PDB file of N, CA and C in Angstrom:
ATOM      1  N   UNK A   1     101.709 109.652 104.395  1.00  0.00           N
ATOM      2  CA  UNK A   1     101.379 109.173 102.880  1.00  0.00           C
ATOM      3  C   UNK A   1     102.874 108.914 102.268  1.00  0.00           C
ATOM      4  N   UNK A   2     103.949 109.362 103.049  1.00  0.00           N
ATOM      5  CA  UNK A   2     105.018 109.043 102.828  1.00  0.00           C
ATOM      6  C   UNK A   2     105.692 107.261 102.728  1.00  0.00           C
ATOM      7  N   UNK A   3     104.690 106.688 103.677  1.00  0.00           N
ATOM      8  CA  UNK A   3     105.078 105.166 104.375  1.00  0.00           C
ATOM      9  C   UNK A   3     104.530 104.538 102.748  1.00  0.00           C
ATOM     10  N   UNK A   4     103.152 104.782 101.911  1.00  0.00           N
ATOM     11  CA  UNK A   4     102.702 104.475 101.207  1.00  0.00           C
ATOM     12  C   UNK A   4     103.511 104.923  99.876  1.00  0.00           C
ATOM     13  N   UNK A   5     103.943 106.388  99.656  1.00  0.00           N
ATOM     14  CA  UNK A   5     105.114 106.503  98.386  1.00  0.00           C
ATOM     15  C   UNK A   5     105.896 105.329  98.741  1.00  0.00           C
ATOM     16  N   UNK A   6     106.771 105.278  99.807  1.00  0.00           N
ATOM     17  CA  UNK A   6     107.817 104.319  99.902  1.00  0.00           C
ATOM     18  C   UNK A   6     106.964 102.521  99.337  1.00  0.00           C
ATOM     19  N   UNK A   7     106.131 101.768  99.824  1.00  0.00           N
ATOM     20  CA  UNK A   7     105.693 100.720  99.759  1.00  0.00           C
ATOM     21  C   UNK A   7     104.965 100.424  98.525  1.00  0.00           C
ATOM     22  N   UNK A   8     104.594 101.948  97.332  1.00  0.00           N
ATOM     23  CA  UNK A   8     104.195 101.762  96.319  1.00  0.00           C
ATOM     24  C   UNK A   8     105.341 101.762  95.060  1.00  0.00           C
ATOM     25  N   UNK A   9     106.332 102.236  95.117  1.00  0.00           N
ATOM     26  CA  UNK A   9     107.723 102.601  95.125  1.00  0.00           C
ATOM     27  C   UNK A   9     108.263 100.743  95.091  1.00  0.00           C
ATOM     28  N   UNK A  10     108.462 100.374  96.194  1.00  0.00           N
ATOM     29  CA  UNK A  10     108.961  98.860  96.525  1.00  0.00           C
ATOM     30  C   UNK A  10     108.061  98.412  94.797  1.00  0.00           C
ATOM     31  N   UNK A  11     106.603  98.291  94.757  1.00  0.00           N
ATOM     32  CA  UNK A  11     105.736  97.424  93.871  1.00  0.00           C
ATOM     33  C   UNK A  11     106.600  97.981  93.276  1.00  0.00           C
ATOM     34  N   UNK A  12     106.192  99.131  92.352  1.00  0.00           N
ATOM     35  CA  UNK A  12     106.845  98.768  91.044  1.00  0.00           C
ATOM     36  C   UNK A  12     107.885  98.615  90.443  1.00  0.00           C
ATOM     37  N   UNK A  13     109.163  98.981  91.761  1.00  0.00           N
ATOM     38  CA  UNK A  13     109.944  98.320  91.329  1.00  0.00           C
ATOM     39  C   UNK A  13     110.161  96.869  90.899  1.00  0.00           C
ATOM     40  N   UNK A  14     109.249  96.177  91.494  1.00  0.00           N
ATOM     41  CA  UNK A  14     109.104  94.511  91.619  1.00  0.00           C
ATOM     42  C   UNK A  14     109.148  94.132  90.165  1.00  0.00           C
ATOM     43  N   UNK A  15     107.230  94.914  89.722  1.00  0.00           N
ATOM     44  CA  UNK A  15     106.835  94.791  88.722  1.00  0.00           C
ATOM     45  C   UNK A  15     107.552  95.352  87.257  1.00  0.00           C
ATOM     46  N   UNK A  16     108.826  96.252  87.496  1.00  0.00           N
ATOM     47  CA  UNK A  16     109.370  97.267  86.416  1.00  0.00           C
ATOM     48  C   UNK A  16     110.860  96.590  86.735  1.00  0.00           C
ATOM     49  N   UNK A  17     111.552  95.965  86.899  1.00  0.00           N
ATOM     50  CA  UNK A  17     113.220  95.656  86.748  1.00  0.00           C
ATOM     51  C   UNK A  17     113.821  97.080  85.620  1.00  0.00           C
ATOM     52  N   UNK A  18     113.288  97.688  85.087  1.00  0.00           N
ATOM     53  CA  UNK A  18     114.042  98.765  84.296  1.00  0.00           C
ATOM     54  C   UNK A  18     113.964 100.140  85.153  1.00  0.00           C
ATOM     55  N   UNK A  19     113.278 100.132  86.331  1.00  0.00           N
ATOM     56  CA  UNK A  19     113.136 100.714  86.739  1.00  0.00           C
ATOM     57  C   UNK A  19     114.111 101.559  87.898  1.00  0.00           C
ATOM     58  N   UNK A  20     114.654 102.073  88.258  1.00  0.00           N
ATOM     59  CA  UNK A  20     115.855 102.541  89.248  1.00  0.00           C
ATOM     60  C   UNK A  20     114.846 102.741  90.784  1.00  0.00           C
ATOM     61  N   UNK A  21     115.119 103.052  91.650  1.00  0.00           N
ATOM     62  CA  UNK A  21     114.722 103.346  93.140  1.00  0.00           C
ATOM     63  C   UNK A  21     114.544 105.183  92.602  1.00  0.00           C
ATOM     64  N   UNK A  22     114.767 105.937  91.781  1.00  0.00           N
ATOM     65  CA  UNK A  22     114.261 106.785  92.077  1.00  0.00           C
ATOM     66  C   UNK A  22     113.357 107.157  90.665  1.00  0.00           C
ATOM     67  N   UNK A  23     113.532 106.686  89.852  1.00  0.00           N
ATOM     68  CA  UNK A  23     112.906 106.721  88.443  1.00  0.00           C
ATOM     69  C   UNK A  23     111.630 106.140  89.317  1.00  0.00           C
ATOM     70  N   UNK A  24     111.191 105.101  89.845  1.00  0.00           N
ATOM     71  CA  UNK A  24     110.038 104.749  90.451  1.00  0.00           C
ATOM     72  C   UNK A  24     110.028 105.579  91.273  1.00  0.00           C
ATOM     73  N   UNK A  25     110.181 105.584  92.485  1.00  0.00           N
ATOM     74  CA  UNK A  25     109.598 106.844  93.021  1.00  0.00           C
ATOM     75  C   UNK A  25     108.987 108.153  92.603  1.00  0.00           C
ATOM     76  N   UNK A  26     109.804 108.703  91.242  1.00  0.00           N
ATOM     77  CA  UNK A  26     109.331 110.013  90.293  1.00  0.00           C
ATOM     78  C   UNK A  26     107.828 109.222  89.729  1.00  0.00           C
ATOM     79  N   UNK A  27     107.789 108.268  89.329  1.00  0.00           N
ATOM     80  CA  UNK A  27     106.179 107.608  88.685  1.00  0.00           C
ATOM     81  C   UNK A  27     106.032 107.624  89.905  1.00  0.00           C
ATOM     82  N   UNK A  28     105.707 107.068  90.683  1.00  0.00           N
ATOM     83  CA  UNK A  28     105.023 106.747  91.353  1.00  0.00           C
ATOM     84  C   UNK A  28     104.133 108.709  91.768  1.00  0.00           C
ATOM     85  N   UNK A  29     105.081 109.665  92.510  1.00  0.00           N
ATOM     86  CA  UNK A  29     104.935 110.670  92.899  1.00  0.00           C
ATOM     87  C   UNK A  29     104.034 111.588  91.896  1.00  0.00           C
ATOM     88  N   UNK A  30     104.470 111.386  90.768  1.00  0.00           N
ATOM     89  CA  UNK A  30     103.663 111.920  89.653  1.00  0.00           C
ATOM     90  C   UNK A  30     102.612 111.598  89.531  1.00  0.00           C
ATOM     91  N   UNK A  31     102.530 110.138  89.227  1.00  0.00           N
ATOM     92  CA  UNK A  31     101.040 109.424  88.714  1.00  0.00           C
ATOM     93  C   UNK A  31     100.428 110.092  90.244  1.00  0.00           C
ATOM     94  N   UNK A  32     100.218 110.121  91.268  1.00  0.00           N
ATOM     95  CA  UNK A  32      98.838 109.956  92.500  1.00  0.00           C
ATOM     96  C   UNK A  32      99.158 111.748  91.917  1.00  0.00           C
ATOM     97  N   UNK A  33      99.858 112.495  91.943  1.00  0.00           N
ATOM     98  CA  UNK A  33      99.362 113.835  92.107  1.00  0.00           C
ATOM     99  C   UNK A  33      98.734 114.462  90.904  1.00  0.00           C
ATOM    100  N   UNK A  34      99.121 113.656  89.410  1.00  0.00           N
ATOM    101  CA  UNK A  34      97.995 113.537  88.297  1.00  0.00           C
ATOM    102  C   UNK A  34      96.739 113.215  88.667  1.00  0.00           C
ATOM    103  N   UNK A  35      97.074 112.123  89.331  1.00  0.00           N
ATOM    104  CA  UNK A  35      95.571 111.420  89.803  1.00  0.00           C
ATOM    105  C   UNK A  35      94.510 112.459  91.044  1.00  0.00           C
ATOM    106  N   UNK A  36      95.178 112.856  91.917  1.00  0.00           N
ATOM    107  CA  UNK A  36      94.935 113.960  92.440  1.00  0.00           C
ATOM    108  C   UNK A  36      93.896 115.098  92.462  1.00  0.00           C
ATOM    109  N   UNK A  37      94.433 115.708  90.883  1.00  0.00           N
ATOM    110  CA  UNK A  37      94.423 116.871  90.806  1.00  0.00           C
ATOM    111  C   UNK A  37      93.307 116.423  89.594  1.00  0.00           C
ATOM    112  N   UNK A  38      93.527 115.474  88.760  1.00  0.00           N
ATOM    113  CA  UNK A  38      92.272 115.005  87.866  1.00  0.00           C
ATOM    114  C   UNK A  38      90.989 114.591  88.348  1.00  0.00           C
ATOM    115  N   UNK A  39      91.165 113.969  89.615  1.00  0.00           N
ATOM    116  CA  UNK A  39      89.907 113.616  90.540  1.00  0.00           C
ATOM    117  C   UNK A  39      89.332 114.644  91.255  1.00  0.00           C
ATOM    118  N   UNK A  40      89.908 116.186  91.437  1.00  0.00           N
ATOM    119  CA  UNK A  40      89.142 117.597  91.962  1.00  0.00           C
ATOM    120  C   UNK A  40      89.114 118.146  90.764  1.00  0.00           C
ATOM    121  N   UNK A  41      90.055 118.239  89.745  1.00  0.00           N
ATOM    122  CA  UNK A  41      88.620 118.944  88.830  1.00  0.00           C
ATOM    123  C   UNK A  41      87.594 118.251  88.325  1.00  0.00           C
ATOM    124  N   UNK A  42      87.587 117.265  88.274  1.00  0.00           N
ATOM    125  CA  UNK A  42      86.137 116.636  88.163  1.00  0.00           C
ATOM    126  C   UNK A  42      85.237 116.482  88.976  1.00  0.00           C
ATOM    127  N   UNK A  43      85.127 117.888  89.658  1.00  0.00           N
ATOM    128  CA  UNK A  43      84.489 117.677  90.966  1.00  0.00           C
ATOM    129  C   UNK A  43      83.962 116.786  92.092  1.00  0.00           C
ATOM    130  N   UNK A  44      84.720 115.872  92.011  1.00  0.00           N
ATOM    131  CA  UNK A  44      84.574 114.994  93.012  1.00  0.00           C
ATOM    132  C   UNK A  44      85.382 115.741  94.421  1.00  0.00           C
ATOM    133  N   UNK A  45      84.333 115.053  95.595  1.00  0.00           N
ATOM    134  CA  UNK A  45      85.297 115.261  97.139  1.00  0.00           C
ATOM    135  C   UNK A  45      86.712 114.731  97.058  1.00  0.00           C
ATOM    136  N   UNK A  46      87.323 114.863  97.953  1.00  0.00           N
ATOM    137  CA  UNK A  46      88.749 114.106  98.290  1.00  0.00           C
ATOM    138  C   UNK A  46      88.154 113.045  99.541  1.00  0.00           C
ATOM    139  N   UNK A  47      88.728 112.516  98.602  1.00  0.00           N
ATOM    140  CA  UNK A  47      88.419 110.412  99.478  1.00  0.00           C
ATOM    141  C   UNK A  47      89.189 109.994 100.287  1.00  0.00           C
ATOM    142  N   UNK A  48      90.857 110.916 100.268  1.00  0.00           N
ATOM    143  CA  UNK A  48      91.856 110.378 101.289  1.00  0.00           C
ATOM    144  C   UNK A  48      92.647 109.774 100.677  1.00  0.00           C
ATOM    145  N   UNK A  49      94.134 109.301 101.399  1.00  0.00           N
ATOM    146  CA  UNK A  49      94.750 108.572 100.746  1.00  0.00           C
ATOM    147  C   UNK A  49      94.624 107.171 100.160  1.00  0.00           C
ATOM    148  N   UNK A  50      92.972 106.856 100.721  1.00  0.00           N
ATOM    149  CA  UNK A  50      93.264 105.353 100.446  1.00  0.00           C
ATOM    150  C   UNK A  50      93.020 104.856  99.586  1.00  0.00           C
ATOM    151  N   UNK A  51      92.088 105.885  98.644  1.00  0.00           N
ATOM    152  CA  UNK A  51      91.859 105.824  97.073  1.00  0.00           C
ATOM    153  C   UNK A  51      93.016 105.900  96.611  1.00  0.00           C
ATOM    154  N   UNK A  52      94.068 106.959  96.467  1.00  0.00           N
ATOM    155  CA  UNK A  52      95.013 107.346  95.917  1.00  0.00           C
ATOM    156  C   UNK A  52      95.460 105.601  95.554  1.00  0.00           C
ATOM    157  N   UNK A  53      95.801 105.605  96.936  1.00  0.00           N
ATOM    158  CA  UNK A  53      96.330 104.281  97.032  1.00  0.00           C
ATOM    159  C   UNK A  53      96.140 103.329  96.061  1.00  0.00           C
ATOM    160  N   UNK A  54      94.821 103.128  96.646  1.00  0.00           N
ATOM    161  CA  UNK A  54      93.659 101.979  95.290  1.00  0.00           C
ATOM    162  C   UNK A  54      94.256 101.847  93.714  1.00  0.00           C
ATOM    163  N   UNK A  55      94.295 103.245  93.764  1.00  0.00           N
ATOM    164  CA  UNK A  55      93.721 103.274  92.188  1.00  0.00           C
ATOM    165  C   UNK A  55      95.672 103.321  91.729  1.00  0.00           C
ATOM    166  N   UNK A  56      96.367 103.455  92.701  1.00  0.00           N
ATOM    167  CA  UNK A  56      98.014 103.603  92.384  1.00  0.00           C
ATOM    168  C   UNK A  56      97.906 102.118  91.985  1.00  0.00           C
ATOM    169  N   UNK A  57      97.501 101.016  93.095  1.00  0.00           N
ATOM    170  CA  UNK A  57      97.808  99.685  92.830  1.00  0.00           C
ATOM    171  C   UNK A  57      97.322  99.222  91.789  1.00  0.00           C
ATOM    172  N   UNK A  58      95.984  99.550  91.176  1.00  0.00           N
ATOM    173  CA  UNK A  58      95.731  99.109  90.308  1.00  0.00           C
ATOM    174  C   UNK A  58      96.075  99.458  88.635  1.00  0.00           C
ATOM    175  N   UNK A  59      97.094 100.796  89.016  1.00  0.00           N
ATOM    176  CA  UNK A  59      98.031 101.065  87.666  1.00  0.00           C
ATOM    177  C   UNK A  59      99.534 100.123  87.623  1.00  0.00           C
ATOM    178  N   UNK A  60      99.805 100.252  89.113  1.00  0.00           N
ATOM    179  CA  UNK A  60     100.925  99.548  88.781  1.00  0.00           C
ATOM    180  C   UNK A  60     100.630  97.888  88.109  1.00  0.00           C
ATOM    181  N   UNK A  61      99.843  97.497  88.576  1.00  0.00           N
ATOM    182  CA  UNK A  61      99.655  96.162  88.237  1.00  0.00           C
ATOM    183  C   UNK A  61      99.303  95.451  86.645  1.00  0.00           C
ATOM    184  N   UNK A  62      98.348  97.056  86.347  1.00  0.00           N
ATOM    185  CA  UNK A  62      97.945  96.887  84.833  1.00  0.00           C
ATOM    186  C   UNK A  62      99.229  97.784  83.661  1.00  0.00           C
ATOM    187  N   UNK A  63     100.015  98.592  84.584  1.00  0.00           N
ATOM    188  CA  UNK A  63     101.081  99.054  83.456  1.00  0.00           C
ATOM    189  C   UNK A  63     102.421  98.833  83.647  1.00  0.00           C
ATOM    190  N   UNK A  64     102.744  98.706  85.076  1.00  0.00           N
ATOM    191  CA  UNK A  64     103.999  98.863  85.586  1.00  0.00           C
ATOM    192  C   UNK A  64     104.964  98.603  84.772  1.00  0.00           C
ATOM    193  N   UNK A  65     104.785  97.078  84.495  1.00  0.00           N
ATOM    194  CA  UNK A  65     105.676  96.437  83.728  1.00  0.00           C
ATOM    195  C   UNK A  65     106.460  97.162  82.190  1.00  0.00           C
ATOM    196  N   UNK A  66     105.807  98.102  81.947  1.00  0.00           N
ATOM    197  CA  UNK A  66     105.803  98.761  80.618  1.00  0.00           C
ATOM    198  C   UNK A  66     105.796 100.007  80.246  1.00  0.00           C
ATOM    199  N   UNK A  67     105.384 100.783  81.902  1.00  0.00           N
ATOM    200  CA  UNK A  67     105.379 102.121  82.026  1.00  0.00           C
ATOM    201  C   UNK A  67     106.847 102.991  81.752  1.00  0.00           C
ATOM    202  N   UNK A  68     107.669 102.428  82.263  1.00  0.00           N
ATOM    203  CA  UNK A  68     109.349 103.267  81.459  1.00  0.00           C
ATOM    204  C   UNK A  68     109.109 103.493  79.435  1.00  0.00           C
ATOM    205  N   UNK A  69     108.071 102.715  79.284  1.00  0.00           N
ATOM    206  CA  UNK A  69     107.909 102.795  77.522  1.00  0.00           C
ATOM    207  C   UNK A  69     107.101 104.084  77.146  1.00  0.00           C
ATOM    208  N   UNK A  70     106.005 103.956  77.857  1.00  0.00           N
ATOM    209  CA  UNK A  70     105.279 105.633  78.183  1.00  0.00           C
ATOM    210  C   UNK A  70     106.077 107.231  78.324  1.00  0.00           C
ATOM    211  N   UNK A  71     107.168 106.899  79.227  1.00  0.00           N
ATOM    212  CA  UNK A  71     108.104 108.538  79.077  1.00  0.00           C
ATOM    213  C   UNK A  71     108.925 108.949  78.247  1.00  0.00           C
ATOM    214  N   UNK A  72     108.769 107.626  76.967  1.00  0.00           N
ATOM    215  CA  UNK A  72     109.647 108.382  76.002  1.00  0.00           C
ATOM    216  C   UNK A  72     108.465 108.515  74.976  1.00  0.00           C
ATOM    217  N   UNK A  73     107.518 108.559  74.898  1.00  0.00           N
ATOM    218  CA  UNK A  73     106.339 108.818  73.806  1.00  0.00           C
ATOM    219  C   UNK A  73     105.438 109.772  74.395  1.00  0.00           C
ATOM    220  N   UNK A  74     105.601 110.549  75.740  1.00  0.00           N
ATOM    221  CA  UNK A  74     105.103 111.488  76.375  1.00  0.00           C
ATOM    222  C   UNK A  74     106.367 112.570  76.835  1.00  0.00           C
ATOM    223  N   UNK A  75     106.060 113.942  75.936  1.00  0.00           N
ATOM    224  CA  UNK A  75     107.034 114.523  77.015  1.00  0.00           C
ATOM    225  C   UNK A  75     106.997 115.628  78.161  1.00  0.00           C
ATOM    226  N   UNK A  76     105.357 115.076  78.441  1.00  0.00           N
ATOM    227  CA  UNK A  76     105.003 116.030  79.799  1.00  0.00           C
ATOM    228  C   UNK A  76     105.815 114.950  81.168  1.00  0.00           C
ATOM    229  N   UNK A  77     106.633 114.046  80.727  1.00  0.00           N
ATOM    230  CA  UNK A  77     107.043 112.742  81.692  1.00  0.00           C
ATOM    231  C   UNK A  77     108.894 113.331  81.665  1.00  0.00           C
ATOM    232  N   UNK A  78     108.441 112.986  79.969  1.00  0.00           N
ATOM    233  CA  UNK A  78     110.141 112.537  79.634  1.00  0.00           C
ATOM    234  C   UNK A  78     111.188 113.633  80.208  1.00  0.00           C
ATOM    235  N   UNK A  79     111.011 114.640  80.523  1.00  0.00           N
ATOM    236  CA  UNK A  79     112.059 115.674  80.857  1.00  0.00           C
ATOM    237  C   UNK A  79     112.229 115.318  82.418  1.00  0.00           C
ATOM    238  N   UNK A  80     110.860 114.541  82.990  1.00  0.00           N
ATOM    239  CA  UNK A  80     111.006 114.758  84.445  1.00  0.00           C
ATOM    240  C   UNK A  80     111.798 113.361  84.622  1.00  0.00           C
ATOM    241  N   UNK A  81     111.771 112.638  83.761  1.00  0.00           N
ATOM    242  CA  UNK A  81     112.640 110.922  83.631  1.00  0.00           C
ATOM    243  C   UNK A  81     113.753 110.807  83.486  1.00  0.00           C
ATOM    244  N   UNK A  82     114.081 112.096  82.864  1.00  0.00           N
ATOM    245  CA  UNK A  82     115.754 111.865  81.753  1.00  0.00           C
ATOM    246  C   UNK A  82     115.681 111.197  80.605  1.00  0.00           C
ATOM    247  N   UNK A  83     114.503 110.940  80.159  1.00  0.00           N
ATOM    248  CA  UNK A  83     114.524 110.322  78.908  1.00  0.00           C
ATOM    249  C   UNK A  83     114.423 110.875  77.884  1.00  0.00           C
ATOM    250  N   UNK A  84     115.114 111.045  76.793  1.00  0.00           N
ATOM    251  CA  UNK A  84     115.313 111.467  75.488  1.00  0.00           C
ATOM    252  C   UNK A  84     114.978 110.728  74.437  1.00  0.00           C
TER     253      UNK A  84
END
């Protein structure tokens, strides 16, 4: 999974130049964790990292260029990304 996180971080930074490498990695780790826990809470069996990777790529493509704007409106993430 470490290699996937690295690649997704690079992809997010390419999509959104407003993010540092540290913040892009934090976003990827937070969103992947949220997806996995939400998926499990919904009662689905774990499908492996391929599903997480696929969803993360969809989110990067759809929301990656404006993800930094979301942090300022959501306190759940703002304090983790040093956005005040």
